[in-house]
C-alpha atoms as a PDB file:
ATOM      1  CA  MET A   1      10.709  -8.444  83.893  1.00  0.00           C
ATOM      2  CA  SER A   2      12.971  -6.128  81.948  1.00  0.00           C
ATOM      3  CA  LYS A   3      16.712  -6.247  81.408  1.00  0.00           C
ATOM      4  CA  PRO A   4      18.982  -5.691  84.413  1.00  0.00           C
ATOM      5  CA  GLY A   5      19.456  -1.992  85.040  1.00  0.00           C
ATOM      6  CA  ILE A   6      16.129  -1.025  83.464  1.00  0.00           C
ATOM      7  CA  ALA A   7      13.168  -0.700  85.787  1.00  0.00           C
ATOM      8  CA  THR A   8       9.985  -0.272  83.790  1.00  0.00           C
ATOM      9  CA  LEU A   9       6.890   1.104  85.457  1.00  0.00           C
ATOM     10  CA  ALA A  10       5.520  -2.439  85.716  1.00  0.00           C
ATOM     11  CA  ASP A  11       8.792  -3.542  87.360  1.00  0.00           C
ATOM     12  CA  GLN A  12       8.589  -0.661  89.820  1.00  0.00           C
ATOM     13  CA  ILE A  13       4.985  -1.489  90.732  1.00  0.00           C
ATOM     14  CA  ALA A  14       5.871  -5.149  91.272  1.00  0.00           C
ATOM     15  CA  GLU A  15       8.849  -4.213  93.446  1.00  0.00           C
ATOM     16  CA  VAL A  16       6.807  -1.840  95.610  1.00  0.00           C
ATOM     17  CA  GLN A  17       4.104  -4.509  95.984  1.00  0.00           C
ATOM     18  CA  ARG A  18       6.780  -7.012  97.038  1.00  0.00           C
ATOM     19  CA  GLU A  19       8.175  -4.542  99.569  1.00  0.00           C
ATOM     20  CA  ILE A  20       4.703  -3.860 101.000  1.00  0.00           C
ATOM     21  CA  GLY A  21       4.184  -7.596 101.498  1.00  0.00           C
ATOM     22  CA  TYR A  22       7.547  -7.850 103.232  1.00  0.00           C
ATOM     23  CA  ARG A  23       6.752  -4.949 105.534  1.00  0.00           C
ATOM     24  CA  GLN A  24       3.345  -6.405 106.383  1.00  0.00           C
ATOM     25  CA  ARG A  25       5.100  -9.566 107.561  1.00  0.00           C
ATOM     26  CA  VAL A  26       8.089  -7.961 109.303  1.00  0.00           C
ATOM     27  CA  TYR A  27       6.842  -4.747 110.895  1.00  0.00           C
ATOM     28  CA  PRO A  28       4.504  -6.384 113.442  1.00  0.00           C
ATOM     29  CA  ARG A  29       7.415  -8.483 114.716  1.00  0.00           C
ATOM     30  CA  MET A  30       9.697  -5.452 114.855  1.00  0.00           C
ATOM     31  CA  VAL A  31       7.090  -3.514 116.836  1.00  0.00           C
ATOM     32  CA  ALA A  32       6.587  -6.449 119.214  1.00  0.00           C
ATOM     33  CA  GLN A  33      10.370  -6.652 119.747  1.00  0.00           C
ATOM     34  CA  LYS A  34      10.472  -2.887 120.352  1.00  0.00           C
ATOM     35  CA  LYS A  35      12.845  -2.417 117.408  1.00  0.00           C
ATOM     36  CA  MET A  36      10.321  -0.039 115.814  1.00  0.00           C
ATOM     37  CA  THR A  37       7.431   1.981 117.148  1.00  0.00           C
ATOM     38  CA  GLN A  38       3.921   1.408 115.866  1.00  0.00           C
ATOM     39  CA  ASP A  39       3.850   5.037 114.713  1.00  0.00           C
ATOM     40  CA  ASP A  40       7.024   4.532 112.655  1.00  0.00           C
ATOM     41  CA  ALA A  41       5.677   1.299 111.172  1.00  0.00           C
ATOM     42  CA  GLU A  42       2.465   3.031 110.131  1.00  0.00           C
ATOM     43  CA  LEU A  43       4.346   6.022 108.721  1.00  0.00           C
ATOM     44  CA  HIS A  44       6.666   3.890 106.584  1.00  0.00           C
ATOM     45  CA  MET A  45       3.801   1.678 105.395  1.00  0.00           C
ATOM     46  CA  HIS A  46       1.735   4.753 104.527  1.00  0.00           C
ATOM     47  CA  ARG A  47       4.601   6.166 102.454  1.00  0.00           C
ATOM     48  CA  MET A  48       5.075   2.885 100.574  1.00  0.00           C
ATOM     49  CA  LEU A  49       1.354   2.619  99.865  1.00  0.00           C
ATOM     50  CA  ALA A  50       1.385   6.218  98.602  1.00  0.00           C
ATOM     51  CA  ALA A  51       4.283   5.349  96.283  1.00  0.00           C
ATOM     52  CA  LEU A  52       2.313   2.372  94.953  1.00  0.00           C
ATOM     53  CA  LEU A  53      -0.748   4.542  94.325  1.00  0.00           C
ATOM     54  CA  THR A  54       1.401   7.093  92.491  1.00  0.00           C
ATOM     55  CA  LEU A  55       2.930   4.441  90.251  1.00  0.00           C
ATOM     56  CA  GLU A  56      -0.474   2.877  89.556  1.00  0.00           C
ATOM     57  CA  LYS A  57      -1.888   6.305  88.685  1.00  0.00           C
ATOM     58  CA  LEU A  58       0.938   6.862  86.207  1.00  0.00           C
ATOM     59  CA  ARG A  59       0.214   3.467  84.671  1.00  0.00           C
ATOM     60  CA  ASP A  60      -3.520   4.100  84.514  1.00  0.00           C
ATOM     61  CA  ASP A  61      -3.015   7.524  82.947  1.00  0.00           C
ATOM     62  CA  GLY A  62      -1.001   5.999  80.111  1.00  0.00           C
ATOM     63  CA  VAL A  63       2.354   7.376  81.168  1.00  0.00           C
ATOM     64  CA  GLU A  64       3.891   3.896  81.171  1.00  0.00           C
ATOM     65  CA  ALA A  65       4.833   3.763  77.486  1.00  0.00           C
ATOM     66  CA  ALA A  66       6.556   7.168  77.515  1.00  0.00           C
ATOM     67  CA  LEU A  67       8.365   6.394  80.754  1.00  0.00           C
ATOM     68  CA  ASP A  68       9.502   2.984  79.570  1.00  0.00           C
ATOM     69  CA  LYS A  69      10.759   4.484  76.299  1.00  0.00           C
ATOM     70  CA  ALA A  70      12.752   7.104  78.203  1.00  0.00           C
ATOM     71  CA  LEU A  71      14.231   4.478  80.527  1.00  0.00           C
ATOM     72  CA  ARG A  72      15.305   2.302  77.590  1.00  0.00           C
ATOM     73  CA  ALA A  73      16.940   5.273  75.838  1.00  0.00           C
ATOM     74  CA  LYS A  74      19.388   5.812  78.718  1.00  0.00           C
END
C-alpha cells in the first residue's frame, strides 16, 4: 500500500476488488429487502467490473509506472 493520499494503480485495483466483494455480499440482501432492484444491482456491478477491467488493462499495458510517477509528483 502506498502513502496516504496517493493511490497507485495497484491500490486502485485492490480497492475496486474489495468493493466488488462487498457488493457481491450486500446487493442480494438489498434486493431481497426491496431496497434495490435487481436491474440496479446488475447495472452497478457491471460498472464496477468494467472499472476493474479498465484498471487491469492499464496495468497490463505497462501504464502503471508512468501513472504512479505522475501521482507521486503531485
